[in-house]
Amino acid sequence: MSSTTTISSRSWFSAALLSWYPRHRRDLPWRHIRDPYAIWLSEVILQQTRVKQGLPYYLDFITTYPTVHDLAAAPQDEVLRHWQGLGYYSRARNMHHTAQQVVQEYGGQFPGTYQELLQLRGVGQYTAAAIASFAYDEQVAVLDGNVFRVLARVFGLTQDIAAPASRKAFQQLADTLIPADHPADFNQAIMEFGAIQCTPQKPDCLFCPLQQQCFAFQRGLVQELPVKSKAKAARTRYFHYLVLRYADTVYMRKRGPKDIWEGLYDFALHETDSADFPAVAVVDAVQTLGGQLAATQAAEPVAALRHVLSHQKVEAKFHAVELAGPLPAATLAATGLAPYRATEIEELPKSILVANYISNSAI
């Protein structure tokens, strides 16, 4: 680690941020509260999500589930439906479980310290630090992507922020910077500074209050810091959905564990190694399920829809199939498929890929 200053002389950093923050911060609803439940809710929603995208979801959740008791009592399918479109659905499942844990083990009151908060499911170091400082004024520094970037640039940290071992160095530095008398404001300030001033691309260095002390700016390294190794190339998966219709129903099923979109609903699925799935394969797949086609030919599939996840790409084709009769009970038991009417499908939690298909089809 390189630095333009010593730890003992870094009070300028917190002073500059605390001066900058009141004049530049965005007016966001969770900044006017001390309720650990609402703070926790906002932090879970905003993980890996931009504020502009996450804000409507926060407002929806805090309105639908105003207390942790309300969220804990809700069916998981309902919670996932409200989460639909945010991605990383394990966050929603963990959030629901944590709400139940808080109610059952803590009497509906969130733990009051950083170390206790870490005992909650899905609550890591960042979220625990955010709740502890924002709700309880505990002097513990947050460390998210924005903070990594600010610290790397200002203090010249060159460790790879994608490497888990680097977190210790950044955390140690952040812990020396957070003032005991304003921990909540400092944590909000440094995250906001990274979000709107020291941005990943085109940071506003010209009007930056830290310009003179910034290691990266003074050495022309703003675009080189922070150091972050590239992620592995995402693999492509080919999904062929059989949209099986009979009368006024469509067959759907709930996805199981250990794969993407756990707990969400989709159609009968065939995953292959290529984008091709000819009509004869569709007919064979339907017959394997015990279904009988109402027509002599399978319809042309809907053009492939692509959905990019953090570690994989999904290319999906939807093959609409009209059945001459209902699927056998044995098939339903073996596959988890069940018939749903349009109004019921609307209420089911679905991946954005499936939801987009449905919104553009006749379902």
Protein backbone atom coordinates (compact mmCIF):
# COMPACT_ATOMS: atom_id res chain seq x y z
CA MET A 1 0.00 0.00 0.00
CA SER A 2 1.19 3.48 -0.89
CA SER A 3 -0.11 6.68 0.64
CA THR A 4 0.48 10.42 0.49
CA THR A 5 -0.20 10.79 4.22
CA THR A 6 0.19 8.91 7.46
CA ILE A 7 -2.73 7.52 9.42
CA SER A 8 -2.27 10.11 12.18
CA SER A 9 -2.75 12.99 9.74
CA ARG A 10 -5.81 11.73 7.88
CA SER A 11 -8.44 13.71 9.74
CA TRP A 12 -8.67 15.93 6.65
CA PHE A 13 -10.34 13.05 4.82
CA SER A 14 -13.34 12.64 7.13
CA ALA A 15 -13.60 16.41 7.56
CA ALA A 16 -13.72 16.95 3.80
CA LEU A 17 -16.36 14.27 3.26
CA LEU A 18 -18.53 15.46 6.12
CA SER A 19 -18.41 18.96 4.66
CA TRP A 20 -19.17 17.73 1.12
CA TYR A 21 -22.03 15.39 2.06
CA PRO A 22 -24.78 17.79 3.23
CA ARG A 23 -24.39 19.87 0.09
CA HIS A 24 -24.45 17.05 -2.43
CA ARG A 25 -26.34 14.07 -1.00
CA ARG A 26 -29.42 12.75 -2.74
CA ASP A 27 -32.69 12.92 -0.85
CA LEU A 28 -33.42 9.22 -0.33
CA PRO A 29 -36.15 7.91 2.01
CA TRP A 30 -33.94 5.63 4.10
CA ARG A 31 -31.71 8.58 5.06
CA HIS A 32 -34.41 10.11 7.22
CA ILE A 33 -34.88 7.13 9.54
CA ARG A 34 -33.17 5.21 12.31
CA ASP A 35 -35.37 2.10 12.04
CA PRO A 36 -33.00 -0.87 11.62
CA TYR A 37 -35.68 -2.83 9.73
CA ALA A 38 -36.11 -0.16 7.05
CA ILE A 39 -32.34 0.38 6.85
CA TRP A 40 -31.75 -3.35 6.47
CA LEU A 41 -34.45 -3.55 3.80
CA SER A 42 -32.86 -0.74 1.79
CA GLU A 43 -29.39 -2.25 2.04
CA VAL A 44 -30.52 -5.70 0.89
CA ILE A 45 -32.38 -4.21 -2.07
CA LEU A 46 -29.48 -1.95 -3.07
CA GLN A 47 -26.87 -4.71 -3.05
CA GLN A 48 -25.75 -5.11 -6.68
CA THR A 49 -28.53 -2.70 -7.69
CA ARG A 50 -28.43 0.97 -8.67
CA VAL A 51 -30.43 3.40 -6.54
CA LYS A 52 -32.60 4.43 -9.49
CA GLN A 53 -33.63 0.81 -10.05
CA GLY A 54 -33.89 -0.15 -6.39
CA LEU A 55 -35.87 2.82 -5.07
CA PRO A 56 -39.29 1.72 -6.45
CA TYR A 57 -38.73 -1.75 -4.97
CA TYR A 58 -37.86 -0.27 -1.57
CA LEU A 59 -41.00 1.86 -1.57
CA ASP A 60 -43.10 -1.15 -2.59
CA PHE A 61 -41.64 -3.40 0.13
CA ILE A 62 -41.85 -0.84 2.93
CA THR A 63 -45.47 -0.16 1.97
CA THR A 64 -46.47 -3.82 1.57
CA TYR A 65 -44.47 -4.99 4.60
CA PRO A 66 -44.17 -2.01 6.97
CA THR A 67 -42.73 -4.12 9.80
CA VAL A 68 -40.44 -7.12 10.03
CA HIS A 69 -43.44 -9.07 11.38
CA ASP A 70 -45.34 -8.38 8.14
CA LEU A 71 -42.46 -9.58 5.99
CA ALA A 72 -41.88 -12.67 8.11
CA ALA A 73 -45.55 -13.68 7.86
CA ALA A 74 -45.75 -13.29 4.07
CA PRO A 75 -45.63 -16.37 1.79
CA GLN A 76 -42.27 -16.70 0.03
CA ASP A 77 -43.92 -16.78 -3.40
CA GLU A 78 -45.49 -13.41 -2.66
CA VAL A 79 -42.15 -11.95 -1.55
CA LEU A 80 -40.45 -13.24 -4.70
CA ARG A 81 -43.23 -11.74 -6.83
CA HIS A 82 -42.57 -8.31 -5.31
CA TRP A 83 -38.84 -8.85 -5.94
CA GLN A 84 -39.38 -9.81 -9.59
CA GLY A 85 -36.99 -7.97 -11.91
CA LEU A 86 -34.30 -7.16 -9.32
CA GLY A 87 -32.27 -10.31 -9.97
CA TYR A 88 -30.04 -12.22 -7.55
CA TYR A 89 -33.13 -13.87 -6.08
CA SER A 90 -31.16 -15.51 -3.28
CA ARG A 91 -31.17 -12.04 -1.70
CA ALA A 92 -34.97 -12.15 -1.51
CA ARG A 93 -35.03 -15.68 -0.10
CA ASN A 94 -32.40 -14.80 2.50
CA MET A 95 -34.26 -11.59 3.32
CA HIS A 96 -37.47 -13.50 3.97
CA HIS A 97 -35.64 -16.06 6.13
CA THR A 98 -33.87 -13.29 8.08
CA ALA A 99 -37.18 -11.56 8.80
CA GLN A 100 -38.48 -14.82 10.25
CA GLN A 101 -35.26 -15.24 12.25
CA VAL A 102 -35.57 -11.75 13.72
CA VAL A 103 -39.17 -12.43 14.72
CA GLN A 104 -38.59 -15.91 16.11
CA GLU A 105 -35.19 -15.46 17.80
CA TYR A 106 -35.11 -11.75 18.64
CA GLY A 107 -38.75 -10.96 19.32
CA GLY A 108 -39.03 -8.78 16.22
CA GLN A 109 -36.18 -6.46 17.33
CA PHE A 110 -33.02 -6.30 15.23
CA PRO A 111 -29.80 -6.97 17.18
CA GLY A 112 -28.15 -3.76 18.35
CA THR A 113 -24.47 -4.38 17.58
CA TYR A 114 -22.32 -5.16 14.56
CA GLN A 115 -21.20 -8.53 15.90
CA GLU A 116 -24.75 -9.61 16.73
CA LEU A 117 -26.04 -8.50 13.34
CA LEU A 118 -23.50 -10.79 11.66
CA GLN A 119 -25.39 -13.74 13.14
CA LEU A 120 -28.38 -13.06 10.88
CA ARG A 121 -28.67 -15.05 7.66
CA GLY A 122 -27.60 -13.12 4.58
CA VAL A 123 -26.16 -10.28 6.66
CA GLY A 124 -22.50 -9.89 5.82
CA GLN A 125 -19.88 -7.42 6.99
CA TYR A 126 -21.10 -4.56 4.82
CA THR A 127 -24.80 -4.85 5.73
CA ALA A 128 -24.02 -5.32 9.43
CA ALA A 129 -21.80 -2.23 9.40
CA ALA A 130 -24.47 -0.19 7.63
CA ILE A 131 -27.21 -1.12 10.09
CA ALA A 132 -24.94 -0.77 13.14
CA SER A 133 -23.76 2.70 12.14
CA PHE A 134 -26.98 4.11 10.65
CA ALA A 135 -29.36 2.79 13.30
CA TYR A 136 -27.15 2.56 16.39
CA ASP A 137 -24.24 4.98 15.74
CA GLU A 138 -21.66 2.23 16.16
CA GLN A 139 -18.20 3.21 14.92
CA VAL A 140 -17.76 0.54 12.25
CA ALA A 141 -16.83 1.39 8.67
CA VAL A 142 -18.79 0.17 5.66
CA LEU A 143 -16.96 -1.28 2.70
CA ASP A 144 -18.81 -1.54 -0.63
CA GLY A 145 -17.77 -0.99 -4.25
CA ASN A 146 -17.96 2.77 -3.93
CA VAL A 147 -15.79 2.78 -0.81
CA PHE A 148 -13.23 0.44 -2.38
CA ARG A 149 -12.92 2.86 -5.31
CA VAL A 150 -12.56 6.01 -3.19
CA LEU A 151 -9.98 4.50 -0.87
CA ALA A 152 -7.96 2.96 -3.70
CA ARG A 153 -7.75 6.25 -5.58
CA VAL A 154 -7.27 8.66 -2.69
CA PHE A 155 -4.78 6.58 -0.71
CA GLY A 156 -3.13 4.62 -3.51
CA LEU A 157 -4.12 1.08 -2.56
CA THR A 158 -3.12 -1.22 -5.41
CA GLN A 159 -4.43 -4.54 -4.15
CA ASP A 160 -6.89 -6.33 -6.44
CA ILE A 161 -10.33 -5.51 -5.01
CA ALA A 162 -11.73 -8.69 -6.59
CA ALA A 163 -9.45 -10.78 -4.37
CA PRO A 164 -11.01 -11.67 -0.99
CA ALA A 165 -7.63 -11.24 0.74
CA SER A 166 -7.59 -7.55 -0.19
CA ARG A 167 -10.59 -6.74 1.94
CA LYS A 168 -8.54 -6.76 5.14
CA ALA A 169 -6.25 -3.94 3.97
CA PHE A 170 -9.17 -1.79 2.84
CA GLN A 171 -11.15 -2.49 6.01
CA GLN A 172 -8.20 -1.59 8.23
CA LEU A 173 -7.80 1.73 6.42
CA ALA A 174 -11.53 2.51 6.53
CA ASP A 175 -11.62 1.77 10.25
CA THR A 176 -8.88 4.36 10.87
CA LEU A 177 -10.84 7.03 8.98
CA ILE A 178 -14.32 6.78 10.50
CA PRO A 179 -14.82 9.38 13.26
CA ALA A 180 -16.29 8.27 16.55
CA ASP A 181 -18.68 11.23 16.74
CA HIS A 182 -20.21 10.92 13.24
CA PRO A 183 -20.06 7.26 12.12
CA ALA A 184 -23.43 7.26 10.31
CA ASP A 185 -22.81 10.47 8.40
CA PHE A 186 -19.28 9.40 7.48
CA ASN A 187 -20.42 6.04 6.10
CA GLN A 188 -23.23 7.68 4.13
CA ALA A 189 -20.82 10.35 2.89
CA ILE A 190 -18.10 8.05 1.58
CA MET A 191 -20.60 5.82 -0.24
CA GLU A 192 -22.38 8.83 -1.73
CA PHE A 193 -19.05 10.35 -2.73
CA GLY A 194 -18.18 7.21 -4.66
CA ALA A 195 -21.63 7.06 -6.22
CA ILE A 196 -21.84 10.61 -7.61
CA GLN A 197 -18.37 12.21 -7.42
CA CYS A 198 -15.63 9.56 -7.58
CA THR A 199 -17.50 7.45 -10.14
CA PRO A 200 -16.05 4.44 -12.01
CA GLN A 201 -16.01 6.29 -15.33
CA LYS A 202 -15.46 10.04 -15.74
CA PRO A 203 -15.13 10.99 -12.06
CA ASP A 204 -15.52 14.70 -11.36
CA CYS A 205 -11.89 15.28 -10.43
CA LEU A 206 -11.93 18.96 -11.46
CA PHE A 207 -14.28 19.92 -8.63
CA CYS A 208 -13.22 17.25 -6.14
CA PRO A 209 -12.50 18.45 -2.59
CA LEU A 210 -9.90 15.69 -2.22
CA GLN A 211 -8.03 16.57 -5.41
CA GLN A 212 -4.86 17.90 -3.78
CA GLN A 213 -4.44 14.86 -1.52
CA CYS A 214 -5.62 12.23 -4.01
CA PHE A 215 -2.87 9.73 -4.84
CA ALA A 216 -4.46 8.71 -8.16
CA PHE A 217 -5.17 12.25 -9.40
CA GLN A 218 -1.73 13.57 -8.56
CA ARG A 219 -0.08 10.68 -10.43
CA GLY A 220 -2.45 10.34 -13.37
CA LEU A 221 -3.73 6.95 -12.19
CA VAL A 222 -7.45 7.66 -11.83
CA GLN A 223 -8.40 5.21 -14.60
CA GLU A 224 -5.99 2.56 -13.30
CA LEU A 225 -7.35 2.48 -9.76
CA PRO A 226 -8.88 0.53 -8.25
CA VAL A 227 -7.20 -2.60 -9.55
CA LYS A 228 -9.76 -5.26 -10.35
CA SER A 229 -9.11 -8.53 -12.15
CA LYS A 230 -11.50 -9.44 -14.91
CA ALA A 231 -14.20 -11.97 -14.19
CA LYS A 232 -14.29 -15.27 -16.07
CA ALA A 233 -16.17 -15.18 -19.35
CA ALA A 234 -19.82 -16.02 -18.87
CA ARG A 235 -20.97 -19.34 -20.30
CA THR A 236 -24.04 -19.54 -22.53
CA ARG A 237 -26.94 -21.85 -21.74
CA TYR A 238 -29.71 -22.71 -24.21
CA PHE A 239 -33.22 -23.01 -22.76
CA HIS A 240 -36.10 -24.37 -24.82
CA TYR A 241 -39.40 -23.78 -23.07
CA LEU A 242 -42.53 -25.76 -23.92
CA VAL A 243 -45.43 -23.39 -23.33
CA LEU A 244 -48.10 -26.06 -22.96
CA ARG A 245 -51.66 -24.74 -23.23
CA TYR A 246 -54.92 -26.56 -22.67
CA ALA A 247 -58.25 -24.76 -22.71
CA ASP A 248 -57.76 -21.56 -20.71
CA THR A 249 -54.74 -22.78 -18.76
CA VAL A 250 -50.97 -22.90 -19.24
CA TYR A 251 -48.72 -25.40 -17.50
CA MET A 252 -45.96 -23.96 -15.29
CA ARG A 253 -43.75 -25.28 -12.52
CA LYS A 254 -41.67 -23.97 -9.64
CA ARG A 255 -37.91 -24.16 -10.17
CA GLY A 256 -35.94 -26.22 -7.69
CA PRO A 257 -32.74 -25.48 -5.76
CA LYS A 258 -29.10 -25.40 -6.88
CA ASP A 259 -29.66 -23.43 -10.08
CA ILE A 260 -30.60 -19.95 -11.20
CA TRP A 261 -34.05 -18.56 -10.40
CA GLU A 262 -34.69 -20.93 -7.50
CA GLY A 263 -38.29 -20.68 -6.34
CA LEU A 264 -39.48 -18.84 -9.47
CA TYR A 265 -41.97 -20.26 -11.95
CA ASP A 266 -41.35 -21.15 -15.58
CA PHE A 267 -42.54 -23.64 -18.20
CA ALA A 268 -41.53 -27.19 -19.05
CA LEU A 269 -37.87 -26.85 -19.93
CA HIS A 270 -35.38 -28.64 -22.15
CA GLU A 271 -31.82 -27.39 -21.88
CA THR A 272 -29.52 -28.28 -24.78
CA ASP A 273 -26.00 -27.53 -25.98
CA SER A 274 -27.15 -25.50 -28.96
CA ALA A 275 -29.71 -22.94 -30.04
CA ASP A 276 -31.42 -25.48 -32.30
CA PHE A 277 -34.48 -27.41 -31.17
CA PRO A 278 -36.38 -28.55 -34.28
CA ALA A 279 -40.14 -29.09 -34.44
CA VAL A 280 -39.74 -32.86 -34.32
CA ALA A 281 -37.87 -32.51 -31.01
CA VAL A 282 -40.74 -30.40 -29.67
CA VAL A 283 -43.25 -33.08 -30.64
CA ASP A 284 -41.13 -35.80 -29.04
CA ALA A 285 -40.73 -33.76 -25.84
CA VAL A 286 -44.49 -33.21 -25.58
CA GLN A 287 -45.22 -36.87 -26.12
CA THR A 288 -42.62 -37.82 -23.52
CA LEU A 289 -44.64 -35.75 -21.06
CA GLY A 290 -47.73 -37.72 -22.03
CA GLY A 291 -49.21 -34.80 -23.93
CA GLN A 292 -51.18 -34.97 -27.15
CA LEU A 293 -50.84 -32.13 -29.66
CA ALA A 294 -54.06 -30.53 -30.81
CA ALA A 295 -52.48 -29.69 -34.18
CA THR A 296 -50.51 -31.86 -36.55
CA GLN A 297 -47.61 -29.39 -36.60
CA ALA A 298 -45.73 -27.54 -33.88
CA ALA A 299 -45.81 -23.76 -34.09
CA GLU A 300 -42.68 -21.77 -34.84
CA PRO A 301 -40.93 -20.74 -31.62
CA VAL A 302 -40.80 -17.15 -30.43
CA ALA A 303 -37.49 -15.55 -31.38
CA ALA A 304 -34.78 -16.22 -28.81
CA LEU A 305 -34.74 -13.96 -25.78
CA ARG A 306 -31.39 -13.38 -24.08
CA HIS A 307 -30.84 -12.71 -20.41
CA VAL A 308 -27.37 -11.92 -19.07
CA LEU A 309 -26.59 -12.90 -15.49
CA SER A 310 -23.39 -12.24 -13.56
CA HIS A 311 -21.80 -15.56 -14.50
CA GLN A 312 -23.82 -16.90 -17.41
CA LYS A 313 -25.97 -15.98 -20.39
CA VAL A 314 -29.30 -17.62 -21.06
CA GLU A 315 -30.70 -17.81 -24.58
CA ALA A 316 -34.29 -18.98 -24.45
CA LYS A 317 -36.77 -20.01 -27.12
CA PHE A 318 -40.45 -20.42 -26.28
CA HIS A 319 -42.35 -23.11 -28.17
CA ALA A 320 -46.11 -22.62 -27.86
CA VAL A 321 -47.96 -25.94 -27.92
CA GLU A 322 -51.75 -26.44 -27.93
CA LEU A 323 -52.71 -29.69 -26.24
CA ALA A 324 -55.68 -31.86 -27.17
CA GLY A 325 -56.22 -32.75 -23.54
CA PRO A 326 -54.79 -32.20 -20.06
CA LEU A 327 -51.45 -33.66 -19.05
CA PRO A 328 -51.71 -36.94 -17.10
CA ALA A 329 -51.68 -36.74 -13.31
CA ALA A 330 -48.50 -38.86 -13.27
CA THR A 331 -46.72 -36.23 -15.37
CA LEU A 332 -47.81 -33.45 -13.03
CA ALA A 333 -46.56 -35.39 -10.01
CA ALA A 334 -43.21 -36.20 -11.64
CA THR A 335 -42.46 -32.75 -13.09
CA GLY A 336 -44.13 -30.31 -10.74
CA LEU A 337 -46.09 -28.85 -13.64
CA ALA A 338 -49.56 -27.54 -12.87
CA PRO A 339 -52.23 -25.72 -14.92
CA TYR A 340 -52.65 -21.99 -14.23
CA ARG A 341 -55.06 -19.41 -15.61
CA ALA A 342 -53.81 -16.02 -16.78
CA THR A 343 -54.84 -14.25 -13.58
CA GLU A 344 -52.99 -16.84 -11.50
CA ILE A 345 -49.87 -16.59 -13.67
CA GLU A 346 -49.79 -12.85 -13.10
CA GLU A 347 -49.38 -13.46 -9.34
CA LEU A 348 -46.60 -16.05 -9.66
CA PRO A 349 -42.97 -14.95 -9.15
CA LYS A 350 -41.11 -15.30 -12.44
CA SER A 351 -37.72 -14.46 -13.89
CA ILE A 352 -37.71 -11.27 -15.94
CA LEU A 353 -37.02 -13.45 -19.00
CA VAL A 354 -40.26 -15.43 -18.54
CA ALA A 355 -42.18 -12.32 -17.49
CA ASN A 356 -41.11 -10.52 -20.67
CA TYR A 357 -42.27 -13.43 -22.81
CA ILE A 358 -45.63 -13.54 -21.08
CA SER A 359 -46.19 -9.79 -21.39
CA ASN A 360 -45.60 -10.02 -25.13
CA SER A 361 -47.64 -13.16 -25.77
CA ALA A 362 -51.29 -14.08 -25.67
CA ILE A 363 -51.09 -15.67 -22.20
